[in-house]
PDB file of N, CA and C in Angstrom:
ATOM      1  N   MET A   1    -171.950-235.999 -62.222  1.00  0.00           N
ATOM      2  CA  MET A   1    -171.068-236.022 -63.684  1.00  0.00           C
ATOM      3  C   MET A   1    -171.586-236.854 -64.538  1.00  0.00           C
ATOM      4  N   SER A   2    -171.945-236.485 -65.702  1.00  0.00           N
ATOM      5  CA  SER A   2    -172.681-236.801 -66.564  1.00  0.00           C
ATOM      6  C   SER A   2    -171.934-237.325 -67.856  1.00  0.00           C
ATOM      7  N   VAL A   3    -172.345-238.347 -68.983  1.00  0.00           N
ATOM      8  CA  VAL A   3    -171.725-238.321 -70.313  1.00  0.00           C
ATOM      9  C   VAL A   3    -172.490-238.420 -71.550  1.00  0.00           C
ATOM     10  N   LEU A   4    -172.304-237.438 -72.482  1.00  0.00           N
ATOM     11  CA  LEU A   4    -172.874-237.519 -73.865  1.00  0.00           C
ATOM     12  C   LEU A   4    -171.819-238.377 -74.957  1.00  0.00           C
ATOM     13  N   ARG A   5    -172.600-239.445 -75.303  1.00  0.00           N
ATOM     14  CA  ARG A   5    -172.279-239.753 -76.537  1.00  0.00           C
ATOM     15  C   ARG A   5    -172.922-239.259 -77.693  1.00  0.00           C
ATOM     16  N   ALA A   6    -172.433-238.716 -79.085  1.00  0.00           N
ATOM     17  CA  ALA A   6    -172.961-238.414 -79.951  1.00  0.00           C
ATOM     18  C   ALA A   6    -172.362-238.659 -81.131  1.00  0.00           C
ATOM     19  N   THR A   7    -172.982-238.730 -82.285  1.00  0.00           N
ATOM     20  CA  THR A   7    -172.501-239.427 -83.758  1.00  0.00           C
ATOM     21  C   THR A   7    -173.249-238.036 -84.536  1.00  0.00           C
ATOM     22  N   VAL A   8    -172.265-237.116 -84.913  1.00  0.00           N
ATOM     23  CA  VAL A   8    -172.775-236.163 -86.040  1.00  0.00           C
ATOM     24  C   VAL A   8    -172.501-236.483 -87.329  1.00  0.00           C
ATOM     25  N   PHE A   9    -173.458-236.512 -88.332  1.00  0.00           N
ATOM     26  CA  PHE A   9    -173.775-236.435 -89.631  1.00  0.00           C
ATOM     27  C   PHE A   9    -173.997-235.559 -90.416  1.00  0.00           C
ATOM     28  N   GLY A  10    -173.261-235.580 -91.324  1.00  0.00           N
ATOM     29  CA  GLY A  10    -173.099-234.270 -92.625  1.00  0.00           C
ATOM     30  C   GLY A  10    -172.067-233.785 -93.030  1.00  0.00           C
ATOM     31  N   VAL A  11    -171.590-232.710 -93.487  1.00  0.00           N
ATOM     32  CA  VAL A  11    -170.136-232.425 -94.069  1.00  0.00           C
ATOM     33  C   VAL A  11    -169.237-232.005 -93.114  1.00  0.00           C
ATOM     34  N   VAL A  12    -169.294-233.537 -92.068  1.00  0.00           N
ATOM     35  CA  VAL A  12    -167.997-232.856 -90.597  1.00  0.00           C
ATOM     36  C   VAL A  12    -166.603-233.425 -90.542  1.00  0.00           C
ATOM     37  N   GLN A  13    -166.149-233.707 -91.984  1.00  0.00           N
ATOM     38  CA  GLN A  13    -164.660-233.913 -91.961  1.00  0.00           C
ATOM     39  C   GLN A  13    -164.118-233.285 -93.197  1.00  0.00           C
ATOM     40  N   GLY A  14    -162.706-232.954 -92.728  1.00  0.00           N
ATOM     41  CA  GLY A  14    -161.870-232.208 -93.539  1.00  0.00           C
ATOM     42  C   GLY A  14    -162.336-230.699 -93.700  1.00  0.00           C
ATOM     43  N   VAL A  15    -163.452-230.327 -92.504  1.00  0.00           N
ATOM     44  CA  VAL A  15    -163.826-229.165 -92.330  1.00  0.00           C
ATOM     45  C   VAL A  15    -163.240-228.316 -91.012  1.00  0.00           C
ATOM     46  N   GLY A  16    -162.432-229.150 -90.412  1.00  0.00           N
ATOM     47  CA  GLY A  16    -161.982-228.273 -88.875  1.00  0.00           C
ATOM     48  C   GLY A  16    -162.803-228.982 -87.726  1.00  0.00           C
ATOM     49  N   PHE A  17    -163.831-229.704 -88.140  1.00  0.00           N
ATOM     50  CA  PHE A  17    -164.984-229.499 -87.141  1.00  0.00           C
ATOM     51  C   PHE A  17    -164.599-230.478 -85.887  1.00  0.00           C
ATOM     52  N   ARG A  18    -163.780-231.420 -85.865  1.00  0.00           N
ATOM     53  CA  ARG A  18    -163.154-231.976 -84.717  1.00  0.00           C
ATOM     54  C   ARG A  18    -162.558-230.685 -83.650  1.00  0.00           C
ATOM     55  N   TRP A  19    -161.746-230.221 -84.676  1.00  0.00           N
ATOM     56  CA  TRP A  19    -160.796-229.176 -83.394  1.00  0.00           C
ATOM     57  C   TRP A  19    -161.669-227.564 -82.926  1.00  0.00           C
ATOM     58  N   TYR A  20    -162.871-227.685 -83.831  1.00  0.00           N
ATOM     59  CA  TYR A  20    -164.472-226.815 -83.445  1.00  0.00           C
ATOM     60  C   TYR A  20    -164.668-227.568 -82.126  1.00  0.00           C
ATOM     61  N   VAL A  21    -164.814-228.736 -81.979  1.00  0.00           N
ATOM     62  CA  VAL A  21    -165.431-229.362 -80.765  1.00  0.00           C
ATOM     63  C   VAL A  21    -164.688-229.447 -79.825  1.00  0.00           C
ATOM     64  N   ARG A  22    -163.290-229.561 -80.476  1.00  0.00           N
ATOM     65  CA  ARG A  22    -162.466-229.727 -78.830  1.00  0.00           C
ATOM     66  C   ARG A  22    -162.874-228.460 -78.436  1.00  0.00           C
ATOM     67  N   GLY A  23    -162.528-227.129 -78.999  1.00  0.00           N
ATOM     68  CA  GLY A  23    -162.633-226.186 -78.385  1.00  0.00           C
ATOM     69  C   GLY A  23    -163.764-225.525 -77.455  1.00  0.00           C
ATOM     70  N   ARG A  24    -165.020-226.024 -77.888  1.00  0.00           N
ATOM     71  CA  ARG A  24    -166.165-225.470 -76.981  1.00  0.00           C
ATOM     72  C   ARG A  24    -166.090-226.510 -76.276  1.00  0.00           C
ATOM     73  N   ALA A  25    -165.264-227.990 -76.245  1.00  0.00           N
ATOM     74  CA  ALA A  25    -165.212-228.540 -75.056  1.00  0.00           C
ATOM     75  C   ALA A  25    -164.371-228.218 -73.826  1.00  0.00           C
ATOM     76  N   LEU A  26    -163.354-227.764 -74.348  1.00  0.00           N
ATOM     77  CA  LEU A  26    -162.711-226.505 -73.140  1.00  0.00           C
ATOM     78  C   LEU A  26    -163.255-225.759 -72.846  1.00  0.00           C
ATOM     79  N   ARG A  27    -164.366-224.746 -73.917  1.00  0.00           N
ATOM     80  CA  ARG A  27    -164.804-223.726 -73.600  1.00  0.00           C
ATOM     81  C   ARG A  27    -165.844-223.953 -72.194  1.00  0.00           C
ATOM     82  N   PHE A  28    -166.249-225.451 -72.510  1.00  0.00           N
ATOM     83  CA  PHE A  28    -167.310-225.799 -71.582  1.00  0.00           C
ATOM     84  C   PHE A  28    -166.537-226.391 -70.108  1.00  0.00           C
ATOM     85  N   GLU A  29    -165.453-226.410 -70.191  1.00  0.00           N
ATOM     86  CA  GLU A  29    -164.455-227.550 -69.198  1.00  0.00           C
ATOM     87  C   GLU A  29    -165.100-229.093 -69.168  1.00  0.00           C
ATOM     88  N   LEU A  30    -164.865-229.433 -70.723  1.00  0.00           N
ATOM     89  CA  LEU A  30    -165.529-230.925 -70.179  1.00  0.00           C
ATOM     90  C   LEU A  30    -164.300-231.397 -70.743  1.00  0.00           C
ATOM     91  N   THR A  31    -164.290-233.067 -70.755  1.00  0.00           N
ATOM     92  CA  THR A  31    -163.186-233.840 -70.918  1.00  0.00           C
ATOM     93  C   THR A  31    -163.995-234.954 -72.245  1.00  0.00           C
ATOM     94  N   GLY A  32    -162.875-235.744 -72.786  1.00  0.00           N
ATOM     95  CA  GLY A  32    -163.382-236.535 -73.635  1.00  0.00           C
ATOM     96  C   GLY A  32    -162.681-236.597 -74.819  1.00  0.00           C
ATOM     97  N   ARG A  33    -163.347-237.274 -76.001  1.00  0.00           N
ATOM     98  CA  ARG A  33    -162.797-237.552 -77.290  1.00  0.00           C
ATOM     99  C   ARG A  33    -163.676-237.014 -78.409  1.00  0.00           C
ATOM    100  N   ALA A  34    -162.830-237.035 -79.748  1.00  0.00           N
ATOM    101  CA  ALA A  34    -163.985-236.764 -80.824  1.00  0.00           C
ATOM    102  C   ALA A  34    -162.912-237.374 -81.932  1.00  0.00           C
ATOM    103  N   ALA A  35    -163.474-238.204 -82.824  1.00  0.00           N
ATOM    104  CA  ALA A  35    -162.950-238.790 -83.673  1.00  0.00           C
ATOM    105  C   ALA A  35    -163.874-239.214 -85.196  1.00  0.00           C
ATOM    106  N   ASN A  36    -163.253-238.830 -86.063  1.00  0.00           N
ATOM    107  CA  ASN A  36    -163.660-239.409 -87.548  1.00  0.00           C
ATOM    108  C   ASN A  36    -164.241-240.988 -87.533  1.00  0.00           C
ATOM    109  N   LEU A  37    -165.048-241.122 -88.329  1.00  0.00           N
ATOM    110  CA  LEU A  37    -165.522-242.466 -88.296  1.00  0.00           C
ATOM    111  C   LEU A  37    -165.626-242.385 -89.915  1.00  0.00           C
ATOM    112  N   PRO A  38    -165.183-244.169 -90.365  1.00  0.00           N
ATOM    113  CA  PRO A  38    -165.039-244.382 -91.720  1.00  0.00           C
ATOM    114  C   PRO A  38    -166.178-243.670 -92.682  1.00  0.00           C
ATOM    115  N   ASP A  39    -167.376-243.829 -91.803  1.00  0.00           N
ATOM    116  CA  ASP A  39    -168.934-243.585 -92.591  1.00  0.00           C
ATOM    117  C   ASP A  39    -168.974-241.849 -93.479  1.00  0.00           C
ATOM    118  N   GLY A  40    -168.080-241.499 -92.544  1.00  0.00           N
ATOM    119  CA  GLY A  40    -167.906-239.597 -92.744  1.00  0.00           C
ATOM    120  C   GLY A  40    -168.625-238.919 -91.684  1.00  0.00           C
ATOM    121  N   SER A  41    -168.939-239.498 -90.228  1.00  0.00           N
ATOM    122  CA  SER A  41    -169.139-238.792 -89.290  1.00  0.00           C
ATOM    123  C   SER A  41    -168.614-238.548 -88.343  1.00  0.00           C
ATOM    124  N   VAL A  42    -168.734-237.757 -87.246  1.00  0.00           N
ATOM    125  CA  VAL A  42    -167.692-237.834 -86.145  1.00  0.00           C
ATOM    126  C   VAL A  42    -168.318-238.329 -84.775  1.00  0.00           C
ATOM    127  N   GLU A  43    -167.713-238.939 -84.279  1.00  0.00           N
ATOM    128  CA  GLU A  43    -168.005-239.604 -82.939  1.00  0.00           C
ATOM    129  C   GLU A  43    -167.384-238.812 -81.729  1.00  0.00           C
ATOM    130  N   ILE A  44    -168.258-238.682 -80.882  1.00  0.00           N
ATOM    131  CA  ILE A  44    -167.833-237.419 -79.934  1.00  0.00           C
ATOM    132  C   ILE A  44    -168.428-238.253 -78.614  1.00  0.00           C
ATOM    133  N   GLU A  45    -167.576-238.425 -77.225  1.00  0.00           N
ATOM    134  CA  GLU A  45    -167.677-238.626 -76.040  1.00  0.00           C
ATOM    135  C   GLU A  45    -167.173-237.556 -75.258  1.00  0.00           C
ATOM    136  N   ALA A  46    -167.868-237.157 -74.410  1.00  0.00           N
ATOM    137  CA  ALA A  46    -167.569-235.876 -73.476  1.00  0.00           C
ATOM    138  C   ALA A  46    -168.262-236.306 -72.066  1.00  0.00           C
ATOM    139  N   GLU A  47    -167.753-235.588 -71.338  1.00  0.00           N
ATOM    140  CA  GLU A  47    -167.880-235.568 -69.850  1.00  0.00           C
ATOM    141  C   GLU A  47    -168.266-234.601 -69.191  1.00  0.00           C
ATOM    142  N   GLY A  48    -168.799-234.633 -68.240  1.00  0.00           N
ATOM    143  CA  GLY A  48    -168.376-232.887 -67.645  1.00  0.00           C
ATOM    144  C   GLY A  48    -170.239-232.966 -66.652  1.00  0.00           C
ATOM    145  N   ASP A  49    -170.444-231.646 -66.251  1.00  0.00           N
ATOM    146  CA  ASP A  49    -171.721-231.415 -65.848  1.00  0.00           C
ATOM    147  C   ASP A  49    -172.953-231.205 -66.926  1.00  0.00           C
ATOM    148  N   ARG A  50    -173.734-231.722 -65.992  1.00  0.00           N
ATOM    149  CA  ARG A  50    -175.100-231.949 -67.434  1.00  0.00           C
ATOM    150  C   ARG A  50    -175.294-230.351 -68.291  1.00  0.00           C
ATOM    151  N   ASP A  51    -175.453-229.498 -67.106  1.00  0.00           N
ATOM    152  CA  ASP A  51    -175.853-227.902 -68.173  1.00  0.00           C
ATOM    153  C   ASP A  51    -174.828-227.730 -69.161  1.00  0.00           C
ATOM    154  N   SER A  52    -173.361-228.500 -68.855  1.00  0.00           N
ATOM    155  CA  SER A  52    -172.832-227.529 -69.982  1.00  0.00           C
ATOM    156  C   SER A  52    -172.611-228.950 -70.859  1.00  0.00           C
ATOM    157  N   LEU A  53    -172.766-230.092 -70.639  1.00  0.00           N
ATOM    158  CA  LEU A  53    -173.332-230.723 -71.567  1.00  0.00           C
ATOM    159  C   LEU A  53    -174.138-230.476 -72.634  1.00  0.00           C
ATOM    160  N   GLU A  54    -175.590-230.402 -72.203  1.00  0.00           N
ATOM    161  CA  GLU A  54    -176.369-229.657 -72.696  1.00  0.00           C
ATOM    162  C   GLU A  54    -176.223-228.165 -73.462  1.00  0.00           C
ATOM    163  N   ARG A  55    -175.317-227.484 -73.463  1.00  0.00           N
ATOM    164  CA  ARG A  55    -174.981-226.120 -74.090  1.00  0.00           C
ATOM    165  C   ARG A  55    -173.864-226.719 -75.009  1.00  0.00           C
ATOM    166  N   PHE A  56    -173.000-227.605 -74.871  1.00  0.00           N
ATOM    167  CA  PHE A  56    -171.838-228.236 -75.689  1.00  0.00           C
ATOM    168  C   PHE A  56    -172.597-228.811 -77.070  1.00  0.00           C
ATOM    169  N   LEU A  57    -173.566-229.771 -76.328  1.00  0.00           N
ATOM    170  CA  LEU A  57    -174.255-230.383 -77.543  1.00  0.00           C
ATOM    171  C   LEU A  57    -175.174-229.391 -78.735  1.00  0.00           C
ATOM    172  N   ALA A  58    -175.441-228.109 -78.072  1.00  0.00           N
ATOM    173  CA  ALA A  58    -176.378-227.436 -79.056  1.00  0.00           C
ATOM    174  C   ALA A  58    -175.505-226.540 -80.025  1.00  0.00           C
ATOM    175  N   ALA A  59    -174.340-226.022 -78.991  1.00  0.00           N
ATOM    176  CA  ALA A  59    -172.848-225.717 -79.874  1.00  0.00           C
ATOM    177  C   ALA A  59    -172.727-226.679 -81.191  1.00  0.00           C
ATOM    178  N   LEU A  60    -173.167-227.564 -81.122  1.00  0.00           N
ATOM    179  CA  LEU A  60    -172.416-228.976 -82.053  1.00  0.00           C
ATOM    180  C   LEU A  60    -173.023-228.308 -83.266  1.00  0.00           C
ATOM    181  N   LYS A  61    -174.415-227.989 -83.211  1.00  0.00           N
ATOM    182  CA  LYS A  61    -175.309-227.645 -84.539  1.00  0.00           C
ATOM    183  C   LYS A  61    -174.657-226.700 -85.587  1.00  0.00           C
ATOM    184  N   GLU A  62    -173.718-225.872 -84.609  1.00  0.00           N
ATOM    185  CA  GLU A  62    -173.236-224.504 -84.962  1.00  0.00           C
ATOM    186  C   GLU A  62    -171.536-224.580 -85.782  1.00  0.00           C
ATOM    187  N   GLY A  63    -171.211-225.490 -85.769  1.00  0.00           N
ATOM    188  CA  GLY A  63    -169.775-226.111 -86.168  1.00  0.00           C
ATOM    189  C   GLY A  63    -169.291-225.729 -87.599  1.00  0.00           C
ATOM    190  N   PRO A  64    -168.284-225.599 -88.110  1.00  0.00           N
ATOM    191  CA  PRO A  64    -167.986-226.078 -89.586  1.00  0.00           C
ATOM    192  C   PRO A  64    -168.602-227.025 -90.411  1.00  0.00           C
ATOM    193  N   GLY A  65    -168.850-226.908 -91.556  1.00  0.00           N
ATOM    194  CA  GLY A  65    -169.200-227.992 -92.335  1.00  0.00           C
ATOM    195  C   GLY A  65    -170.697-227.760 -92.145  1.00  0.00           C
ATOM    196  N   LYS A  66    -171.551-228.747 -92.466  1.00  0.00           N
ATOM    197  CA  LYS A  66    -172.927-228.956 -92.376  1.00  0.00           C
ATOM    198  C   LYS A  66    -173.144-230.132 -91.442  1.00  0.00           C
ATOM    199  N   VAL A  67    -174.021-229.693 -90.698  1.00  0.00           N
ATOM    200  CA  VAL A  67    -174.221-230.803 -89.750  1.00  0.00           C
ATOM    201  C   VAL A  67    -175.772-231.073 -90.040  1.00  0.00           C
ATOM    202  N   ASP A  68    -176.155-232.538 -90.328  1.00  0.00           N
ATOM    203  CA  ASP A  68    -177.402-232.548 -90.829  1.00  0.00           C
ATOM    204  C   ASP A  68    -177.895-233.372 -89.656  1.00  0.00           C
ATOM    205  N   ARG A  69    -177.701-233.932 -88.987  1.00  0.00           N
ATOM    206  CA  ARG A  69    -178.259-234.364 -87.914  1.00  0.00           C
ATOM    207  C   ARG A  69    -177.384-235.061 -86.409  1.00  0.00           C
ATOM    208  N   ILE A  70    -177.489-235.260 -85.423  1.00  0.00           N
ATOM    209  CA  ILE A  70    -177.041-235.456 -84.258  1.00  0.00           C
ATOM    210  C   ILE A  70    -177.700-236.606 -83.649  1.00  0.00           C
ATOM    211  N   GLU A  71    -177.204-237.605 -83.186  1.00  0.00           N
ATOM    212  CA  GLU A  71    -177.783-239.175 -82.557  1.00  0.00           C
ATOM    213  C   GLU A  71    -176.925-238.886 -81.326  1.00  0.00           C
ATOM    214  N   HIS A  72    -177.372-238.902 -80.554  1.00  0.00           N
ATOM    215  CA  HIS A  72    -177.084-238.607 -79.245  1.00  0.00           C
ATOM    216  C   HIS A  72    -177.745-239.219 -77.824  1.00  0.00           C
ATOM    217  N   VAL A  73    -177.108-239.809 -76.826  1.00  0.00           N
ATOM    218  CA  VAL A  73    -177.419-239.965 -75.386  1.00  0.00           C
ATOM    219  C   VAL A  73    -176.687-239.495 -74.420  1.00  0.00           C
ATOM    220  N   LEU A  74    -177.282-238.683 -73.235  1.00  0.00           N
ATOM    221  CA  LEU A  74    -176.600-238.087 -72.192  1.00  0.00           C
ATOM    222  C   LEU A  74    -177.303-239.010 -71.200  1.00  0.00           C
ATOM    223  N   ALA A  75    -176.701-239.269 -70.138  1.00  0.00           N
ATOM    224  CA  ALA A  75    -176.736-239.807 -69.044  1.00  0.00           C
ATOM    225  C   ALA A  75    -175.920-239.998 -67.570  1.00  0.00           C
ATOM    226  N   ASP A  76    -176.274-240.105 -66.884  1.00  0.00           N
ATOM    227  CA  ASP A  76    -175.192-240.193 -65.773  1.00  0.00           C
ATOM    228  C   ASP A  76    -173.735-241.252 -66.107  1.00  0.00           C
ATOM    229  N   GLY A  77    -172.906-240.812 -65.662  1.00  0.00           N
ATOM    230  CA  GLY A  77    -171.708-241.652 -65.725  1.00  0.00           C
ATOM    231  C   GLY A  77    -170.223-240.777 -65.805  1.00  0.00           C
ATOM    232  N   ALA A  78    -169.306-241.399 -65.894  1.00  0.00           N
ATOM    233  CA  ALA A  78    -167.533-240.997 -66.218  1.00  0.00           C
ATOM    234  C   ALA A  78    -167.121-241.881 -67.515  1.00  0.00           C
ATOM    235  N   LEU A  79    -166.184-240.921 -68.156  1.00  0.00           N
ATOM    236  CA  LEU A  79    -165.236-241.564 -68.707  1.00  0.00           C
ATOM    237  C   LEU A  79    -163.930-241.954 -68.167  1.00  0.00           C
ATOM    238  N   GLY A  80    -163.608-241.224 -67.093  1.00  0.00           N
ATOM    239  CA  GLY A  80    -162.325-241.131 -66.385  1.00  0.00           C
ATOM    240  C   GLY A  80    -161.625-240.251 -67.603  1.00  0.00           C
ATOM    241  N   ALA A  81    -161.498-239.391 -68.744  1.00  0.00           N
ATOM    242  CA  ALA A  81    -160.781-238.981 -69.415  1.00  0.00           C
ATOM    243  C   ALA A  81    -160.000-237.611 -68.461  1.00  0.00           C
ATOM    244  N   ARG A  82    -158.751-237.320 -68.892  1.00  0.00           N
ATOM    245  CA  ARG A  82    -158.072-235.948 -68.364  1.00  0.00           C
ATOM    246  C   ARG A  82    -158.396-235.131 -68.977  1.00  0.00           C
ATOM    247  N   ASP A  83    -158.289-234.702 -70.477  1.00  0.00           N
ATOM    248  CA  ASP A  83    -158.504-233.804 -70.928  1.00  0.00           C
ATOM    249  C   ASP A  83    -159.439-234.128 -72.334  1.00  0.00           C
ATOM    250  N   PHE A  84    -159.748-233.156 -73.156  1.00  0.00           N
ATOM    251  CA  PHE A  84    -160.537-233.421 -74.592  1.00  0.00           C
ATOM    252  C   PHE A  84    -159.558-233.761 -75.686  1.00  0.00           C
ATOM    253  N   VAL A  85    -159.612-234.532 -76.212  1.00  0.00           N
ATOM    254  CA  VAL A  85    -158.198-235.169 -77.904  1.00  0.00           C
ATOM    255  C   VAL A  85    -159.181-235.368 -78.659  1.00  0.00           C
ATOM    256  N   THR A  86    -158.551-234.884 -79.911  1.00  0.00           N
ATOM    257  CA  THR A  86    -159.260-235.172 -81.238  1.00  0.00           C
ATOM    258  C   THR A  86    -158.158-237.064 -81.652  1.00  0.00           C
ATOM    259  N   GLU A  87    -159.050-237.563 -82.614  1.00  0.00           N
ATOM    260  CA  GLU A  87    -158.567-238.690 -82.846  1.00  0.00           C
ATOM    261  C   GLU A  87    -158.534-238.873 -84.166  1.00  0.00           C
TER     262      GLU A  87
END
């Protein structure tokens, strides 16, 4: 099991980005969360197998709005989440 922690910068709030993220997470059978941050970015924590997380990370670049950059860390570990939620 692996965990992806990412912060997505750009025009990613108010454009359906978190719902896009949730849909992709469910498609790749990931659990975790996506939440808006006060600075206009979106924070993502996702758990699953490494291959699925890498494909999920690539899909984040194609979401609605305009992604300028993604800062991320992918490591072994677990979140213990049961579903993928938006906050």
